[in-house]
Amino acid sequence: MELHVSSRSHGDHAIVIATGEIDLYTAPRLQSELAEVIANAAPASRIVVDMSGVEFCDSTGMNVLLSCLRQVRERGGELELAAPRPAVMKILQVTALDSVFTIIPSPATLPGQ
């Protein structure tokens, strides 16, 4: 399965929308899109990754998300995960990453949505 990634900005935050599977082969696409969003975001920006369309995410994908979280926090911002599906949420819980990332129920909870 493929991974489709897009992004859009809304004032003080950006939303990155991922759809499909994040694995060894597709993670570079997510990394590339997130790197571009981070590079173009103002310091202390809020970046939300809409995970509602992600059916699977392996350790490679989690490492990409962690790396980007580190980069955003170094700039004084925050990277949040929105609406992860149960399979992805289980991986976050098993790896205790659910306590590292801020997880929001839906990107619709953001201002301007």
PDB file of N, CA and C in Angstrom:
ATOM      1  N   MET A   1       0.843  -1.186   0.000  1.00  0.00           N
ATOM      2  CA  MET A   1       0.000   0.000   0.000  1.00  0.00           C
ATOM      3  C   MET A   1       0.884   1.243   0.000  1.00  0.00           C
ATOM      4  N   GLU A   2       0.381   2.274  -0.581  1.00  0.00           N
ATOM      5  CA  GLU A   2       1.137   3.514  -0.673  1.00  0.00           C
ATOM      6  C   GLU A   2       0.844   4.437   0.492  1.00  0.00           C
ATOM      7  N   LEU A   3       1.644   5.497   0.547  1.00  0.00           N
ATOM      8  CA  LEU A   3       1.432   6.546   1.529  1.00  0.00           C
ATOM      9  C   LEU A   3       1.260   7.852   0.768  1.00  0.00           C
ATOM     10  N   HIS A   4       0.215   8.570   1.099  1.00  0.00           N
ATOM     11  CA  HIS A   4      -0.007   9.895   0.531  1.00  0.00           C
ATOM     12  C   HIS A   4       0.143  10.898   1.659  1.00  0.00           C
ATOM     13  N   VAL A   5       0.907  11.945   1.401  1.00  0.00           N
ATOM     14  CA  VAL A   5       1.154  12.962   2.423  1.00  0.00           C
ATOM     15  C   VAL A   5       0.914  14.333   1.811  1.00  0.00           C
ATOM     16  N   SER A   6       0.165  15.161   2.513  1.00  0.00           N
ATOM     17  CA  SER A   6      -0.043  16.543   2.091  1.00  0.00           C
ATOM     18  C   SER A   6      -0.022  17.422   3.330  1.00  0.00           C
ATOM     19  N   SER A   7       0.081  18.714   3.116  1.00  0.00           N
ATOM     20  CA  SER A   7       0.106  19.616   4.265  1.00  0.00           C
ATOM     21  C   SER A   7      -0.569  20.923   3.909  1.00  0.00           C
ATOM     22  N   ARG A   8      -1.011  21.617   4.957  1.00  0.00           N
ATOM     23  CA  ARG A   8      -1.564  22.949   4.786  1.00  0.00           C
ATOM     24  C   ARG A   8      -1.321  23.743   6.061  1.00  0.00           C
ATOM     25  N   SER A   9      -1.233  25.040   5.908  1.00  0.00           N
ATOM     26  CA  SER A   9      -0.997  25.917   7.060  1.00  0.00           C
ATOM     27  C   SER A   9      -2.276  26.638   7.438  1.00  0.00           C
ATOM     28  N   HIS A  10      -2.411  26.862   8.735  1.00  0.00           N
ATOM     29  CA  HIS A  10      -3.538  27.609   9.280  1.00  0.00           C
ATOM     30  C   HIS A  10      -3.010  28.526  10.368  1.00  0.00           C
ATOM     31  N   GLY A  11      -2.599  29.712  10.008  1.00  0.00           N
ATOM     32  CA  GLY A  11      -2.127  30.667  11.010  1.00  0.00           C
ATOM     33  C   GLY A  11      -0.921  30.165  11.764  1.00  0.00           C
ATOM     34  N   ASP A  12      -1.089  29.902  13.056  1.00  0.00           N
ATOM     35  CA  ASP A  12       0.027  29.513  13.920  1.00  0.00           C
ATOM     36  C   ASP A  12       0.292  28.018  13.927  1.00  0.00           C
ATOM     37  N   HIS A  13      -0.409  27.262  13.088  1.00  0.00           N
ATOM     38  CA  HIS A  13      -0.161  25.822  13.064  1.00  0.00           C
ATOM     39  C   HIS A  13      -0.239  25.281  11.636  1.00  0.00           C
ATOM     40  N   ALA A  14       0.366  24.117  11.469  1.00  0.00           N
ATOM     41  CA  ALA A  14       0.338  23.424  10.185  1.00  0.00           C
ATOM     42  C   ALA A  14      -0.226  22.034  10.407  1.00  0.00           C
ATOM     43  N   ILE A  15      -0.933  21.543   9.407  1.00  0.00           N
ATOM     44  CA  ILE A  15      -1.479  20.194   9.475  1.00  0.00           C
ATOM     45  C   ILE A  15      -0.842  19.364   8.365  1.00  0.00           C
ATOM     46  N   VAL A  16      -0.308  18.219   8.750  1.00  0.00           N
ATOM     47  CA  VAL A  16       0.247  17.268   7.793  1.00  0.00           C
ATOM     48  C   VAL A  16      -0.706  16.073   7.786  1.00  0.00           C
ATOM     49  N   ILE A  17      -1.236  15.757   6.617  1.00  0.00           N
ATOM     50  CA  ILE A  17      -2.219  14.685   6.499  1.00  0.00           C
ATOM     51  C   ILE A  17      -1.554  13.480   5.845  1.00  0.00           C
ATOM     52  N   ALA A  18      -1.545  12.370   6.573  1.00  0.00           N
ATOM     53  CA  ALA A  18      -0.964  11.133   6.059  1.00  0.00           C
ATOM     54  C   ALA A  18      -2.082  10.116   5.848  1.00  0.00           C
ATOM     55  N   THR A  19      -2.039   9.431   4.710  1.00  0.00           N
ATOM     56  CA  THR A  19      -3.040   8.414   4.397  1.00  0.00           C
ATOM     57  C   THR A  19      -2.332   7.195   3.812  1.00  0.00           C
ATOM     58  N   GLY A  20      -2.605   6.034   4.378  1.00  0.00           N
ATOM     59  CA  GLY A  20      -2.002   4.798   3.882  1.00  0.00           C
ATOM     60  C   GLY A  20      -1.200   4.108   4.963  1.00  0.00           C
ATOM     61  N   GLU A  21      -0.066   3.544   4.573  1.00  0.00           N
ATOM     62  CA  GLU A  21       0.790   2.818   5.502  1.00  0.00           C
ATOM     63  C   GLU A  21       2.154   3.482   5.588  1.00  0.00           C
ATOM     64  N   ILE A  22       2.663   3.593   6.819  1.00  0.00           N
ATOM     65  CA  ILE A  22       3.995   4.156   7.033  1.00  0.00           C
ATOM     66  C   ILE A  22       4.905   2.995   7.429  1.00  0.00           C
ATOM     67  N   ASP A  23       5.853   2.692   6.543  1.00  0.00           N
ATOM     68  CA  ASP A  23       6.784   1.597   6.807  1.00  0.00           C
ATOM     69  C   ASP A  23       8.158   1.964   6.258  1.00  0.00           C
ATOM     70  N   LEU A  24       9.037   0.993   6.222  1.00  0.00           N
ATOM     71  CA  LEU A  24      10.405   1.216   5.765  1.00  0.00           C
ATOM     72  C   LEU A  24      10.452   1.889   4.398  1.00  0.00           C
ATOM     73  N   TYR A  25       9.531   1.528   3.521  1.00  0.00           N
ATOM     74  CA  TYR A  25       9.554   2.026   2.149  1.00  0.00           C
ATOM     75  C   TYR A  25       8.876   3.384   1.993  1.00  0.00           C
ATOM     76  N   THR A  26       7.861   3.667   2.819  1.00  0.00           N
ATOM     77  CA  THR A  26       7.110   4.916   2.656  1.00  0.00           C
ATOM     78  C   THR A  26       7.515   5.995   3.655  1.00  0.00           C
ATOM     79  N   ALA A  27       8.211   5.620   4.718  1.00  0.00           N
ATOM     80  CA  ALA A  27       8.604   6.595   5.749  1.00  0.00           C
ATOM     81  C   ALA A  27       9.414   7.774   5.189  1.00  0.00           C
ATOM     82  N   PRO A  28      10.295   7.571   4.196  1.00  0.00           N
ATOM     83  CA  PRO A  28      11.028   8.722   3.657  1.00  0.00           C
ATOM     84  C   PRO A  28      10.110   9.808   3.080  1.00  0.00           C
ATOM     85  N   ARG A  29       8.963   9.418   2.532  1.00  0.00           N
ATOM     86  CA  ARG A  29       8.014  10.396   2.007  1.00  0.00           C
ATOM     87  C   ARG A  29       7.464  11.254   3.148  1.00  0.00           C
ATOM     88  N   LEU A  30       7.123  10.614   4.264  1.00  0.00           N
ATOM     89  CA  LEU A  30       6.635  11.352   5.430  1.00  0.00           C
ATOM     90  C   LEU A  30       7.738  12.245   5.980  1.00  0.00           C
ATOM     91  N   GLN A  31       8.945  11.713   6.062  1.00  0.00           N
ATOM     92  CA  GLN A  31      10.099  12.477   6.560  1.00  0.00           C
ATOM     93  C   GLN A  31      10.306  13.732   5.712  1.00  0.00           C
ATOM     94  N   SER A  32      10.243  13.578   4.412  1.00  0.00           N
ATOM     95  CA  SER A  32      10.464  14.690   3.492  1.00  0.00           C
ATOM     96  C   SER A  32       9.411  15.782   3.671  1.00  0.00           C
ATOM     97  N   GLU A  33       8.151  15.384   3.741  1.00  0.00           N
ATOM     98  CA  GLU A  33       7.059  16.363   3.895  1.00  0.00           C
ATOM     99  C   GLU A  33       7.157  17.074   5.238  1.00  0.00           C
ATOM    100  N   LEU A  34       7.404  16.306   6.307  1.00  0.00           N
ATOM    101  CA  LEU A  34       7.518  16.922   7.633  1.00  0.00           C
ATOM    102  C   LEU A  34       8.726  17.853   7.710  1.00  0.00           C
ATOM    103  N   ALA A  35       9.836  17.461   7.106  1.00  0.00           N
ATOM    104  CA  ALA A  35      11.033  18.308   7.114  1.00  0.00           C
ATOM    105  C   ALA A  35      10.749  19.638   6.432  1.00  0.00           C
ATOM    106  N   GLU A  36      10.013  19.599   5.337  1.00  0.00           N
ATOM    107  CA  GLU A  36       9.675  20.833   4.626  1.00  0.00           C
ATOM    108  C   GLU A  36       8.750  21.712   5.463  1.00  0.00           C
ATOM    109  N   VAL A  37       7.760  21.094   6.091  1.00  0.00           N
ATOM    110  CA  VAL A  37       6.835  21.854   6.946  1.00  0.00           C
ATOM    111  C   VAL A  37       7.587  22.487   8.103  1.00  0.00           C
ATOM    112  N   ILE A  38       8.472  21.722   8.747  1.00  0.00           N
ATOM    113  CA  ILE A  38       9.247  22.240   9.882  1.00  0.00           C
ATOM    114  C   ILE A  38      10.142  23.390   9.437  1.00  0.00           C
ATOM    115  N   ALA A  39      10.788  23.228   8.293  1.00  0.00           N
ATOM    116  CA  ALA A  39      11.696  24.264   7.787  1.00  0.00           C
ATOM    117  C   ALA A  39      10.955  25.558   7.475  1.00  0.00           C
ATOM    118  N   ASN A  40       9.713  25.457   7.011  1.00  0.00           N
ATOM    119  CA  ASN A  40       8.946  26.640   6.636  1.00  0.00           C
ATOM    120  C   ASN A  40       8.111  27.215   7.767  1.00  0.00           C
ATOM    121  N   ALA A  41       8.019  26.503   8.881  1.00  0.00           N
ATOM    122  CA  ALA A  41       7.198  26.960  10.001  1.00  0.00           C
ATOM    123  C   ALA A  41       7.951  27.990  10.831  1.00  0.00           C
ATOM    124  N   ALA A  42       7.197  28.900  11.389  1.00  0.00           N
ATOM    125  CA  ALA A  42       7.786  29.873  12.302  1.00  0.00           C
ATOM    126  C   ALA A  42       8.218  29.150  13.570  1.00  0.00           C
ATOM    127  N   PRO A  43       9.221  29.692  14.272  1.00  0.00           N
ATOM    128  CA  PRO A  43       9.587  29.087  15.563  1.00  0.00           C
ATOM    129  C   PRO A  43       8.351  29.042  16.474  1.00  0.00           C
ATOM    130  N   ALA A  44       8.313  28.057  17.323  1.00  0.00           N
ATOM    131  CA  ALA A  44       7.223  27.855  18.294  1.00  0.00           C
ATOM    132  C   ALA A  44       5.897  27.526  17.610  1.00  0.00           C
ATOM    133  N   SER A  45       5.962  26.962  16.418  1.00  0.00           N
ATOM    134  CA  SER A  45       4.743  26.568  15.712  1.00  0.00           C
ATOM    135  C   SER A  45       4.204  25.251  16.248  1.00  0.00           C
ATOM    136  N   ARG A  46       2.941  25.061  16.001  1.00  0.00           N
ATOM    137  CA  ARG A  46       2.269  23.816  16.344  1.00  0.00           C
ATOM    138  C   ARG A  46       2.067  23.056  15.037  1.00  0.00           C
ATOM    139  N   ILE A  47       2.570  21.838  14.983  1.00  0.00           N
ATOM    140  CA  ILE A  47       2.422  20.998  13.800  1.00  0.00           C
ATOM    141  C   ILE A  47       1.608  19.776  14.204  1.00  0.00           C
ATOM    142  N   VAL A  48       0.524  19.552  13.482  1.00  0.00           N
ATOM    143  CA  VAL A  48      -0.359  18.425  13.771  1.00  0.00           C
ATOM    144  C   VAL A  48      -0.274  17.436  12.623  1.00  0.00           C
ATOM    145  N   VAL A  49      -0.014  16.176  12.955  1.00  0.00           N
ATOM    146  CA  VAL A  49       0.005  15.115  11.954  1.00  0.00           C
ATOM    147  C   VAL A  49      -1.325  14.380  12.068  1.00  0.00           C
ATOM    148  N   ASP A  50      -2.165  14.552  11.043  1.00  0.00           N
ATOM    149  CA  ASP A  50      -3.462  13.875  11.005  1.00  0.00           C
ATOM    150  C   ASP A  50      -3.219  12.414  10.640  1.00  0.00           C
ATOM    151  N   MET A  51      -3.394  11.541  11.629  1.00  0.00           N
ATOM    152  CA  MET A  51      -3.123  10.109  11.453  1.00  0.00           C
ATOM    153  C   MET A  51      -4.397   9.312  11.179  1.00  0.00           C
ATOM    154  N   SER A  52      -5.530   9.989  11.005  1.00  0.00           N
ATOM    155  CA  SER A  52      -6.803   9.279  10.867  1.00  0.00           C
ATOM    156  C   SER A  52      -6.855   8.377   9.640  1.00  0.00           C
ATOM    157  N   GLY A  53      -6.027   8.648   8.636  1.00  0.00           N
ATOM    158  CA  GLY A  53      -6.008   7.825   7.439  1.00  0.00           C
ATOM    159  C   GLY A  53      -4.860   6.828   7.396  1.00  0.00           C
ATOM    160  N   VAL A  54      -4.117   6.730   8.491  1.00  0.00           N
ATOM    161  CA  VAL A  54      -2.970   5.808   8.535  1.00  0.00           C
ATOM    162  C   VAL A  54      -3.433   4.463   9.088  1.00  0.00           C
ATOM    163  N   GLU A  55      -3.309   3.438   8.268  1.00  0.00           N
ATOM    164  CA  GLU A  55      -3.764   2.105   8.662  1.00  0.00           C
ATOM    165  C   GLU A  55      -2.689   1.308   9.382  1.00  0.00           C
ATOM    166  N   PHE A  56      -1.418   1.664   9.152  1.00  0.00           N
ATOM    167  CA  PHE A  56      -0.310   0.910   9.740  1.00  0.00           C
ATOM    168  C   PHE A  56       0.889   1.837   9.859  1.00  0.00           C
ATOM    169  N   CYS A  57       1.632   1.695  10.944  1.00  0.00           N
ATOM    170  CA  CYS A  57       2.864   2.462  11.128  1.00  0.00           C
ATOM    171  C   CYS A  57       3.858   1.581  11.873  1.00  0.00           C
ATOM    172  N   ASP A  58       4.983   1.277  11.221  1.00  0.00           N
ATOM    173  CA  ASP A  58       5.985   0.430  11.864  1.00  0.00           C
ATOM    174  C   ASP A  58       7.011   1.284  12.610  1.00  0.00           C
ATOM    175  N   SER A  59       8.060   0.639  13.103  1.00  0.00           N
ATOM    176  CA  SER A  59       9.067   1.352  13.898  1.00  0.00           C
ATOM    177  C   SER A  59       9.790   2.423  13.086  1.00  0.00           C
ATOM    178  N   THR A  60       9.935   2.211  11.790  1.00  0.00           N
ATOM    179  CA  THR A  60      10.573   3.226  10.943  1.00  0.00           C
ATOM    180  C   THR A  60       9.738   4.499  10.950  1.00  0.00           C
ATOM    181  N   GLY A  61       8.434   4.337  10.819  1.00  0.00           N
ATOM    182  CA  GLY A  61       7.526   5.488  10.862  1.00  0.00           C
ATOM    183  C   GLY A  61       7.548   6.180  12.209  1.00  0.00           C
ATOM    184  N   MET A  62       7.573   5.389  13.282  1.00  0.00           N
ATOM    185  CA  MET A  62       7.627   5.976  14.625  1.00  0.00           C
ATOM    186  C   MET A  62       8.925   6.766  14.808  1.00  0.00           C
ATOM    187  N   ASN A  63      10.030   6.244  14.270  1.00  0.00           N
ATOM    188  CA  ASN A  63      11.311   6.957  14.372  1.00  0.00           C
ATOM    189  C   ASN A  63      11.272   8.275  13.614  1.00  0.00           C
ATOM    190  N   VAL A  64      10.613   8.306  12.461  1.00  0.00           N
ATOM    191  CA  VAL A  64      10.458   9.556  11.708  1.00  0.00           C
ATOM    192  C   VAL A  64       9.673  10.561  12.551  1.00  0.00           C
ATOM    193  N   LEU A  65       8.578  10.123  13.139  1.00  0.00           N
ATOM    194  CA  LEU A  65       7.761  11.016  13.964  1.00  0.00           C
ATOM    195  C   LEU A  65       8.546  11.526  15.170  1.00  0.00           C
ATOM    196  N   LEU A  66       9.311  10.627  15.808  1.00  0.00           N
ATOM    197  CA  LEU A  66      10.118  11.035  16.966  1.00  0.00           C
ATOM    198  C   LEU A  66      11.198  12.049  16.575  1.00  0.00           C
ATOM    199  N   SER A  67      11.853  11.810  15.477  1.00  0.00           N
ATOM    200  CA  SER A  67      12.891  12.717  14.995  1.00  0.00           C
ATOM    201  C   SER A  67      12.301  14.102  14.718  1.00  0.00           C
ATOM    202  N   CYS A  68      11.142  14.122  14.082  1.00  0.00           N
ATOM    203  CA  CYS A  68      10.496  15.406  13.777  1.00  0.00           C
ATOM    204  C   CYS A  68      10.007  16.090  15.054  1.00  0.00           C
ATOM    205  N   LEU A  69       9.529  15.304  16.004  1.00  0.00           N
ATOM    206  CA  LEU A  69       9.119  15.872  17.292  1.00  0.00           C
ATOM    207  C   LEU A  69      10.297  16.585  17.945  1.00  0.00           C
ATOM    208  N   ARG A  70      11.453  15.952  17.929  1.00  0.00           N
ATOM    209  CA  ARG A  70      12.668  16.543  18.502  1.00  0.00           C
ATOM    210  C   ARG A  70      13.016  17.861  17.809  1.00  0.00           C
ATOM    211  N   GLN A  71      12.954  17.854  16.475  1.00  0.00           N
ATOM    212  CA  GLN A  71      13.281  19.060  15.708  1.00  0.00           C
ATOM    213  C   GLN A  71      12.318  20.203  16.025  1.00  0.00           C
ATOM    214  N   VAL A  72      11.033  19.889  16.096  1.00  0.00           N
ATOM    215  CA  VAL A  72      10.031  20.923  16.375  1.00  0.00           C
ATOM    216  C   VAL A  72      10.221  21.474  17.783  1.00  0.00           C
ATOM    217  N   ARG A  73      10.464  20.591  18.745  1.00  0.00           N
ATOM    218  CA  ARG A  73      10.651  21.049  20.135  1.00  0.00           C
ATOM    219  C   ARG A  73      11.917  21.885  20.287  1.00  0.00           C
ATOM    220  N   GLU A  74      12.962  21.567  19.504  1.00  0.00           N
ATOM    221  CA  GLU A  74      14.179  22.386  19.546  1.00  0.00           C
ATOM    222  C   GLU A  74      13.901  23.814  19.087  1.00  0.00           C
ATOM    223  N   ARG A  75      12.871  23.984  18.269  1.00  0.00           N
ATOM    224  CA  ARG A  75      12.475  25.298  17.786  1.00  0.00           C
ATOM    225  C   ARG A  75      11.405  25.936  18.674  1.00  0.00           C
ATOM    226  N   GLY A  76      11.106  25.271  19.795  1.00  0.00           N
ATOM    227  CA  GLY A  76      10.128  25.815  20.734  1.00  0.00           C
ATOM    228  C   GLY A  76       8.692  25.494  20.376  1.00  0.00           C
ATOM    229  N   GLY A  77       8.496  24.603  19.427  1.00  0.00           N
ATOM    230  CA  GLY A  77       7.144  24.264  18.988  1.00  0.00           C
ATOM    231  C   GLY A  77       6.693  22.920  19.522  1.00  0.00           C
ATOM    232  N   GLU A  78       5.607  22.439  18.958  1.00  0.00           N
ATOM    233  CA  GLU A  78       5.059  21.159  19.376  1.00  0.00           C
ATOM    234  C   GLU A  78       4.549  20.407  18.157  1.00  0.00           C
ATOM    235  N   LEU A  79       4.756  19.094  18.154  1.00  0.00           N
ATOM    236  CA  LEU A  79       4.234  18.225  17.114  1.00  0.00           C
ATOM    237  C   LEU A  79       3.227  17.306  17.785  1.00  0.00           C
ATOM    238  N   GLU A  80       2.007  17.304  17.274  1.00  0.00           N
ATOM    239  CA  GLU A  80       0.935  16.510  17.856  1.00  0.00           C
ATOM    240  C   GLU A  80       0.414  15.511  16.848  1.00  0.00           C
ATOM    241  N   LEU A  81      -0.088  14.402  17.348  1.00  0.00           N
ATOM    242  CA  LEU A  81      -0.693  13.390  16.494  1.00  0.00           C
ATOM    243  C   LEU A  81      -2.201  13.459  16.680  1.00  0.00           C
ATOM    244  N   ALA A  82      -2.935  13.526  15.571  1.00  0.00           N
ATOM    245  CA  ALA A  82      -4.390  13.622  15.642  1.00  0.00           C
ATOM    246  C   ALA A  82      -5.049  12.341  15.147  1.00  0.00           C
ATOM    247  N   ALA A  83      -5.991  11.870  15.925  1.00  0.00           N
ATOM    248  CA  ALA A  83      -6.895  10.780  15.553  1.00  0.00           C
ATOM    249  C   ALA A  83      -6.222   9.508  15.037  1.00  0.00           C
ATOM    250  N   PRO A  84      -5.215   8.987  15.759  1.00  0.00           N
ATOM    251  CA  PRO A  84      -4.637   7.724  15.288  1.00  0.00           C
ATOM    252  C   PRO A  84      -5.663   6.598  15.375  1.00  0.00           C
ATOM    253  N   ARG A  85      -5.666   5.750  14.369  1.00  0.00           N
ATOM    254  CA  ARG A  85      -6.565   4.590  14.365  1.00  0.00           C
ATOM    255  C   ARG A  85      -6.140   3.615  15.462  1.00  0.00           C
ATOM    256  N   PRO A  86      -7.034   2.683  15.841  1.00  0.00           N
ATOM    257  CA  PRO A  86      -6.709   1.743  16.930  1.00  0.00           C
ATOM    258  C   PRO A  86      -5.401   0.981  16.741  1.00  0.00           C
ATOM    259  N   ALA A  87      -5.094   0.533  15.532  1.00  0.00           N
ATOM    260  CA  ALA A  87      -3.849  -0.227  15.307  1.00  0.00           C
ATOM    261  C   ALA A  87      -2.620   0.637  15.568  1.00  0.00           C
ATOM    262  N   VAL A  88      -2.671   1.896  15.150  1.00  0.00           N
ATOM    263  CA  VAL A  88      -1.545   2.811  15.370  1.00  0.00           C
ATOM    264  C   VAL A  88      -1.488   3.206  16.840  1.00  0.00           C
ATOM    265  N   MET A  89      -2.640   3.427  17.453  1.00  0.00           N
ATOM    266  CA  MET A  89      -2.689   3.787  18.873  1.00  0.00           C
ATOM    267  C   MET A  89      -2.093   2.667  19.725  1.00  0.00           C
ATOM    268  N   LYS A  90      -2.354   1.420  19.348  1.00  0.00           N
ATOM    269  CA  LYS A  90      -1.807   0.282  20.093  1.00  0.00           C
ATOM    270  C   LYS A  90      -0.278   0.297  20.043  1.00  0.00           C
ATOM    271  N   ILE A  91       0.301   0.598  18.880  1.00  0.00           N
ATOM    272  CA  ILE A  91       1.759   0.689  18.766  1.00  0.00           C
ATOM    273  C   ILE A  91       2.282   1.814  19.656  1.00  0.00           C
ATOM    274  N   LEU A  92       1.587   2.937  19.652  1.00  0.00           N
ATOM    275  CA  LEU A  92       1.998   4.062  20.508  1.00  0.00           C
ATOM    276  C   LEU A  92       1.958   3.661  21.988  1.00  0.00           C
ATOM    277  N   GLN A  93       0.932   2.920  22.375  1.00  0.00           N
ATOM    278  CA  GLN A  93       0.800   2.506  23.775  1.00  0.00           C
ATOM    279  C   GLN A  93       1.842   1.461  24.162  1.00  0.00           C
ATOM    280  N   VAL A  94       2.043   0.463  23.301  1.00  0.00           N
ATOM    281  CA  VAL A  94       2.996  -0.613  23.591  1.00  0.00           C
ATOM    282  C   VAL A  94       4.417  -0.061  23.734  1.00  0.00           C
ATOM    283  N   THR A  95       4.746   0.941  22.927  1.00  0.00           N
ATOM    284  CA  THR A  95       6.084   1.527  22.956  1.00  0.00           C
ATOM    285  C   THR A  95       6.188   2.695  23.943  1.00  0.00           C
ATOM    286  N   ALA A  96       5.085   3.002  24.624  1.00  0.00           N
ATOM    287  CA  ALA A  96       4.988   4.112  25.579  1.00  0.00           C
ATOM    288  C   ALA A  96       5.171   5.477  24.907  1.00  0.00           C
ATOM    289  N   LEU A  97       5.048   5.509  23.585  1.00  0.00           N
ATOM    290  CA  LEU A  97       5.148   6.790  22.881  1.00  0.00           C
ATOM    291  C   LEU A  97       3.886   7.629  23.043  1.00  0.00           C
ATOM    292  N   ASP A  98       2.810   7.005  23.537  1.00  0.00           N
ATOM    293  CA  ASP A  98       1.600   7.776  23.805  1.00  0.00           C
ATOM    294  C   ASP A  98       1.820   8.781  24.937  1.00  0.00           C
ATOM    295  N   SER A  99       2.886   8.569  25.719  1.00  0.00           N
ATOM    296  CA  SER A  99       3.215   9.532  26.776  1.00  0.00           C
ATOM    297  C   SER A  99       4.252  10.558  26.305  1.00  0.00           C
ATOM    298  N   VAL A 100       4.834  10.325  25.135  1.00  0.00           N
ATOM    299  CA  VAL A 100       5.822  11.245  24.569  1.00  0.00           C
ATOM    300  C   VAL A 100       5.132  12.260  23.661  1.00  0.00           C
ATOM    301  N   PHE A 101       4.221  11.777  22.838  1.00  0.00           N
ATOM    302  CA  PHE A 101       3.486  12.638  21.923  1.00  0.00           C
ATOM    303  C   PHE A 101       2.220  13.171  22.579  1.00  0.00           C
ATOM    304  N   THR A 102       1.821  14.364  22.190  1.00  0.00           N
ATOM    305  CA  THR A 102       0.495  14.855  22.528  1.00  0.00           C
ATOM    306  C   THR A 102      -0.433  14.278  21.475  1.00  0.00           C
ATOM    307  N   ILE A 103      -1.466  13.585  21.932  1.00  0.00           N
ATOM    308  CA  ILE A 103      -2.413  12.960  21.007  1.00  0.00           C
ATOM    309  C   ILE A 103      -3.755  13.651  21.182  1.00  0.00           C
ATOM    310  N   ILE A 104      -4.265  14.189  20.076  1.00  0.00           N
ATOM    311  CA  ILE A 104      -5.556  14.863  20.120  1.00  0.00           C
ATOM    312  C   ILE A 104      -6.581  14.023  19.369  1.00  0.00           C
ATOM    313  N   PRO A 105      -7.843  14.100  19.772  1.00  0.00           N
ATOM    314  CA  PRO A 105      -8.842  13.223  19.179  1.00  0.00           C
ATOM    315  C   PRO A 105      -9.105  13.461  17.695  1.00  0.00           C
ATOM    316  N   SER A 106      -8.959  14.707  17.253  1.00  0.00           N
ATOM    317  CA  SER A 106      -9.271  15.022  15.868  1.00  0.00           C
ATOM    318  C   SER A 106      -8.633  16.328  15.457  1.00  0.00           C
ATOM    319  N   PRO A 107      -8.196  16.445  14.199  1.00  0.00           N
ATOM    320  CA  PRO A 107      -7.657  17.728  13.747  1.00  0.00           C
ATOM    321  C   PRO A 107      -8.744  18.802  13.750  1.00  0.00           C
ATOM    322  N   ALA A 108     -10.015  18.391  13.793  1.00  0.00           N
ATOM    323  CA  ALA A 108     -11.121  19.346  13.809  1.00  0.00           C
ATOM    324  C   ALA A 108     -11.172  20.120  15.124  1.00  0.00           C
ATOM    325  N   THR A 109     -10.427  19.663  16.138  1.00  0.00           N
ATOM    326  CA  THR A 109     -10.407  20.383  17.417  1.00  0.00           C
ATOM    327  C   THR A 109      -9.483  21.585  17.375  1.00  0.00           C
ATOM    328  N   LEU A 110      -8.786  21.782  16.262  1.00  0.00           N
ATOM    329  CA  LEU A 110      -7.903  22.928  16.125  1.00  0.00           C
ATOM    330  C   LEU A 110      -8.699  24.172  15.776  1.00  0.00           C
ATOM    331  N   PRO A 111      -8.216  25.329  16.188  1.00  0.00           N
ATOM    332  CA  PRO A 111      -8.874  26.566  15.779  1.00  0.00           C
ATOM    333  C   PRO A 111      -8.844  26.694  14.259  1.00  0.00           C
ATOM    334  N   GLY A 112      -9.909  27.192  13.688  1.00  0.00           N
ATOM    335  CA  GLY A 112      -9.946  27.414  12.250  1.00  0.00           C
ATOM    336  C   GLY A 112     -10.345  26.192  11.446  1.00  0.00           C
ATOM    337  N   GLN A 113     -10.714  25.110  12.123  1.00  0.00           N
ATOM    338  CA  GLN A 113     -11.111  23.893  11.403  1.00  0.00           C
ATOM    339  C   GLN A 113     -12.617  23.841  11.265  1.00  0.00           C
TER     340      GLN A 113
END
